[in-house]
Each structure stands twice: as C-alpha cells, then as structure tokens.
Amino acid sequence: MTLAQDILSRTMSLIPVVLSLSVHEWAHAWAAAQLGDTTARDQGRMTLNPLAHVDLVGTLALPLLGVPFGWARPVPVDPTRFRQDVSMTKGTLLTAVAGPLANLVLALCCATTLLAGHRLHLLEGQESVADVLLTRALLVNAVLCAFNLLPVPPLDGSRIVDGLIPFEHRAAWRKAGPVALVVVVLLLVAIGSGWVSSLTRDLGAALAR
C-alpha cells in the first residue's frame, strides 16, 4: 500500500468514527434531557454536529495514527437536575446506556443497508465507496457499543454497573476501577501494535517444535 492509499484509507476510517462518536454523545444528551436534565442541551451539546463533540486527540489524532481506540468530548450530565420521579441512580444508568444503545442501532442499520444493497445489487464490488464506508461504520459502531459497555471507569459500562450493584459494594467497586482501566488500555495498545499476535505466533511455533 502506497502512502497516498494509506492516508486515504485512514481518512475513510475516520469519517464513520467521527459520526458514530457524535451520535453516541448526542444520545447521552437526549436521554438526559428526557429525564429532566437539560445541561447538555443548554450548552449546545444535544446535536449531531460533530464539531460540538470532537476531541482533537481522541477523535482525530489517535484514529488517524491507527490507535484502536478513541473518544469524544463527554456531554455533561447533572443527576441533581433529573425529574423528582427519577432517582439519580436510575437516571445515571439510563443516560449511560443511551450511548452504547445508539451505536448498536447504528450498527444494525448499517448491517441492514449492506444486506439490502448487496441483495439488490446496489453495492457491487470491493471498490464501492458506499460499501467500504458502510462496512467500516458497522464495525466502528459494534466496537464502540461493546467497548463502552466494559465495566471500567470512565466508560459507560462502569456507570451502568454502578447503578445495578448494591450501595454497600459501590465503594470497593470504584476503587477497583482505575486498575481495570490500566489493564484495558494496555491490552488495546498491545493489540494495536501487533504484540499479542506476534507473541501468539511465537508461542505456537515453539510448541510445534
């Protein structure tokens, strides 16, 4: 692959990443607004405009460098502003799950569109730009959904678990969070660098001797 082709490939990968992260953050803001907290909406964050959510490092730089994870600017959520009939625990859980759920819906929409497009012969060949973008958007949203459901702070999964476990166990759970985060980040870096696949290949070769 030439340098120009590599740049084009990474740029095409960046498009679904930016759009998917924007939908993810919009979903958090929308869910919070439905529950009475309009903080994100008041700050102009309840929008699908990527400019409102882009983080220069997490949304642009890391994906362009090929790092297998990233992030957008998190929307602000104030649990004290939820309606009186919504507890802070329940409201936090619902706003947290809204982001991954939005990515799951997008992944299903991409999969359905790809299937229909190929069945109707509208997306022909590997060189179809629409086919490439839809396939990458499907993968990006599936990964975002699964990754954000990991019960590791500051990911959404940690707030979901925090809202589900008994109150007396939350302190211990929160103390374990930073350690789990370090483990996940190191694992992602290892996967992205090819270290894991290299180690697996070397071990396989050693066992085969």
Protein backbone atom coordinates (compact mmCIF):
# COMPACT_ATOMS: atom_id res chain seq x y z
CA MET A 1 0.00 0.00 0.00
CA THR A 2 1.38 3.42 -1.00
CA LEU A 3 1.47 6.39 1.37
CA ALA A 4 -1.39 8.05 -0.52
CA GLN A 5 -3.51 4.90 -0.28
CA ASP A 6 -2.75 4.59 3.43
CA ILE A 7 -3.79 8.21 4.08
CA LEU A 8 -6.98 7.71 2.06
CA SER A 9 -7.80 4.51 3.96
CA ARG A 10 -7.31 6.16 7.35
CA THR A 11 -9.35 9.19 6.29
CA MET A 12 -12.22 6.95 5.19
CA SER A 13 -12.00 5.16 8.52
CA LEU A 14 -12.11 8.50 10.34
CA ILE A 15 -15.46 9.51 8.81
CA PRO A 16 -17.56 6.78 10.49
CA VAL A 17 -15.59 7.20 13.74
CA VAL A 18 -16.41 10.91 13.99
CA LEU A 19 -20.06 10.42 13.02
CA SER A 20 -20.53 7.45 15.35
CA LEU A 21 -18.97 9.22 18.33
CA SER A 22 -21.19 12.24 17.64
CA VAL A 23 -24.32 10.09 17.69
CA HIS A 24 -23.08 8.41 20.87
CA GLU A 25 -22.70 11.73 22.71
CA TRP A 26 -25.96 13.10 21.30
CA ALA A 27 -27.77 10.05 22.69
CA HIS A 28 -26.40 10.75 26.18
CA ALA A 29 -27.58 14.37 25.96
CA TRP A 30 -31.00 13.41 24.56
CA ALA A 31 -31.60 10.80 27.27
CA ALA A 32 -30.62 13.26 29.99
CA ALA A 33 -33.00 15.88 28.57
CA GLN A 34 -35.87 13.39 28.56
CA LEU A 35 -35.21 12.78 32.25
CA GLY A 36 -35.23 16.48 33.10
CA ASP A 37 -31.52 17.39 32.91
CA THR A 38 -31.07 19.96 30.15
CA THR A 39 -27.43 20.78 30.99
CA ALA A 40 -26.04 19.33 27.75
CA ARG A 41 -28.83 20.84 25.65
CA ASP A 42 -28.28 24.27 27.22
CA GLN A 43 -24.59 24.05 26.32
CA GLY A 44 -25.36 23.18 22.69
CA ARG A 45 -24.28 19.56 23.05
CA MET A 46 -27.61 17.92 22.15
CA THR A 47 -26.72 17.98 18.46
CA LEU A 48 -25.46 15.62 15.79
CA ASN A 49 -22.96 18.25 14.61
CA PRO A 50 -19.52 16.61 15.04
CA LEU A 51 -17.90 19.97 15.79
CA ALA A 52 -19.72 20.03 19.13
CA HIS A 53 -18.25 16.68 20.21
CA VAL A 54 -14.82 16.34 18.56
CA ASP A 55 -11.78 15.90 20.78
CA LEU A 56 -8.61 16.70 18.82
CA VAL A 57 -6.66 13.83 20.34
CA GLY A 58 -9.27 11.14 20.98
CA THR A 59 -11.48 11.70 17.94
CA LEU A 60 -8.96 12.78 15.30
CA ALA A 61 -5.32 12.14 16.13
CA LEU A 62 -5.48 8.64 17.58
CA PRO A 63 -7.72 7.10 14.85
CA LEU A 64 -5.55 8.69 12.13
CA LEU A 65 -2.46 7.20 13.76
CA GLY A 66 -4.08 3.76 13.75
CA VAL A 67 -4.59 3.53 17.52
CA PRO A 68 -7.51 1.10 18.09
CA PHE A 69 -9.48 3.31 20.48
CA GLY A 70 -10.56 6.91 20.91
CA TRP A 71 -13.12 9.18 22.47
CA ALA A 72 -15.18 12.34 22.02
CA ARG A 73 -15.79 15.17 24.47
CA PRO A 74 -18.21 13.71 27.03
CA VAL A 75 -21.50 15.57 27.38
CA PRO A 76 -22.19 16.99 30.86
CA VAL A 77 -24.87 15.22 32.90
CA ASP A 78 -26.11 16.65 36.22
CA PRO A 79 -28.05 13.94 38.14
CA THR A 80 -29.40 16.55 40.58
CA ARG A 81 -31.48 18.02 37.74
CA PHE A 82 -33.38 14.83 36.94
CA ARG A 83 -37.15 14.93 37.50
CA GLN A 84 -38.37 14.15 41.00
CA ASP A 85 -39.80 10.83 39.83
CA VAL A 86 -36.36 9.75 38.54
CA SER A 87 -33.72 8.79 41.12
CA MET A 88 -30.15 9.90 40.48
CA THR A 89 -29.03 6.26 40.30
CA LYS A 90 -31.69 5.27 37.77
CA GLY A 91 -31.21 8.44 35.71
CA THR A 92 -27.44 8.00 35.55
CA LEU A 93 -27.87 4.38 34.46
CA LEU A 94 -30.35 5.31 31.72
CA THR A 95 -28.24 8.15 30.35
CA ALA A 96 -25.17 5.90 30.39
CA VAL A 97 -26.81 3.09 28.45
CA ALA A 98 -28.18 5.50 25.82
CA GLY A 99 -24.76 5.95 24.13
CA PRO A 100 -23.94 2.27 23.51
CA LEU A 101 -27.56 1.62 22.56
CA ALA A 102 -27.36 4.34 19.88
CA ASN A 103 -24.22 2.68 18.47
CA LEU A 104 -25.97 -0.69 18.45
CA VAL A 105 -28.89 0.79 16.49
CA LEU A 106 -26.45 2.35 14.01
CA ALA A 107 -24.61 -0.96 13.60
CA LEU A 108 -27.89 -2.75 12.89
CA CYS A 109 -28.90 -0.04 10.38
CA CYS A 110 -25.56 -0.39 8.58
CA ALA A 111 -25.86 -4.18 8.51
CA THR A 112 -29.41 -3.99 7.13
CA THR A 113 -28.41 -1.45 4.48
CA LEU A 114 -25.41 -3.55 3.42
CA LEU A 115 -27.54 -6.68 3.17
CA ALA A 116 -30.25 -4.93 1.19
CA GLY A 117 -27.70 -3.20 -1.05
CA HIS A 118 -25.99 -6.47 -1.97
CA ARG A 119 -29.27 -8.32 -2.42
CA LEU A 120 -30.47 -5.59 -4.79
CA HIS A 121 -27.02 -5.36 -6.46
CA LEU A 122 -26.69 -1.69 -5.49
CA LEU A 123 -23.34 -2.19 -3.76
CA GLU A 124 -21.20 -4.09 -6.19
CA GLY A 125 -17.50 -4.90 -5.79
CA GLN A 126 -14.88 -4.16 -3.19
CA GLU A 127 -14.16 -0.72 -4.69
CA SER A 128 -17.62 0.69 -3.89
CA VAL A 129 -17.12 3.71 -1.61
CA ALA A 130 -20.58 3.22 -0.10
CA ASP A 131 -19.79 -0.43 0.61
CA VAL A 132 -16.49 0.46 2.30
CA LEU A 133 -17.98 3.25 4.41
CA LEU A 134 -20.98 1.17 5.49
CA THR A 135 -18.77 -1.79 6.39
CA ARG A 136 -16.42 0.37 8.44
CA ALA A 137 -19.34 2.16 10.08
CA LEU A 138 -20.79 -1.22 11.04
CA LEU A 139 -17.50 -2.31 12.62
CA VAL A 140 -16.91 1.04 14.35
CA ASN A 141 -20.35 1.11 15.93
CA ALA A 142 -20.17 -2.53 17.00
CA VAL A 143 -16.80 -1.89 18.65
CA LEU A 144 -17.98 1.37 20.27
CA CYS A 145 -21.02 -0.39 21.69
CA ALA A 146 -19.03 -3.31 23.09
CA PHE A 147 -16.10 -1.17 24.30
CA ASN A 148 -18.27 1.35 26.13
CA LEU A 149 -20.15 -1.43 27.89
CA LEU A 150 -16.95 -2.58 29.58
CA PRO A 151 -17.40 -2.01 33.34
CA VAL A 152 -14.33 0.21 33.54
CA PRO A 153 -14.34 3.91 34.56
CA PRO A 154 -14.86 6.28 32.83
CA LEU A 155 -16.68 4.11 30.29
CA ASP A 156 -20.47 3.90 30.26
CA GLY A 157 -20.39 0.33 31.48
CA SER A 158 -18.97 1.45 34.83
CA ARG A 159 -21.93 3.77 35.42
CA ILE A 160 -24.34 1.03 34.41
CA VAL A 161 -22.79 -1.41 36.87
CA ASP A 162 -22.65 1.34 39.49
CA GLY A 163 -26.40 1.72 39.19
CA LEU A 164 -27.06 -2.02 39.39
CA ILE A 165 -24.88 -3.21 42.27
CA PRO A 166 -25.97 -2.76 45.92
CA PHE A 167 -24.99 0.53 47.51
CA GLU A 168 -22.74 -1.09 50.13
CA HIS A 169 -20.50 -2.59 47.44
CA ARG A 170 -20.04 0.58 45.34
CA ALA A 171 -17.01 1.90 47.24
CA ALA A 172 -15.00 -1.28 46.63
CA TRP A 173 -16.16 -1.34 43.02
CA ARG A 174 -14.98 2.22 42.41
CA LYS A 175 -11.57 1.53 43.96
CA ALA A 176 -11.01 -1.34 41.52
CA GLY A 177 -11.94 0.83 38.53
CA PRO A 178 -8.57 2.57 37.88
CA VAL A 179 -6.71 -0.76 37.91
CA ALA A 180 -9.15 -2.25 35.42
CA LEU A 181 -8.78 0.82 33.20
CA VAL A 182 -4.99 0.45 33.06
CA VAL A 183 -5.33 -3.23 32.14
CA VAL A 184 -7.80 -2.48 29.33
CA VAL A 185 -5.67 0.34 27.88
CA LEU A 186 -2.52 -1.79 27.91
CA LEU A 187 -4.39 -4.64 26.23
CA LEU A 188 -5.71 -2.33 23.50
CA VAL A 189 -2.25 -0.89 22.87
CA ALA A 190 -0.82 -4.40 22.70
CA ILE A 191 -3.45 -5.50 20.21
CA GLY A 192 -2.96 -2.38 18.10
CA SER A 193 0.81 -2.80 17.99
CA GLY A 194 0.56 -6.43 16.96
CA TRP A 195 2.41 -7.54 20.09
CA VAL A 196 -0.30 -10.01 21.06
CA SER A 197 -0.47 -11.65 17.63
CA SER A 198 3.35 -11.79 17.49
CA LEU A 199 3.53 -13.43 20.91
CA THR A 200 0.83 -15.93 19.96
CA ARG A 201 2.67 -16.79 16.74
CA ASP A 202 5.98 -17.28 18.58
CA LEU A 203 4.36 -19.48 21.21
CA GLY A 204 2.68 -21.57 18.53
CA ALA A 205 5.99 -22.02 16.73
CA ALA A 206 7.72 -23.02 19.98
CA LEU A 207 5.06 -25.59 20.84
CA ALA A 208 5.24 -27.06 17.34
CA ARG A 209 8.94 -27.91 17.69
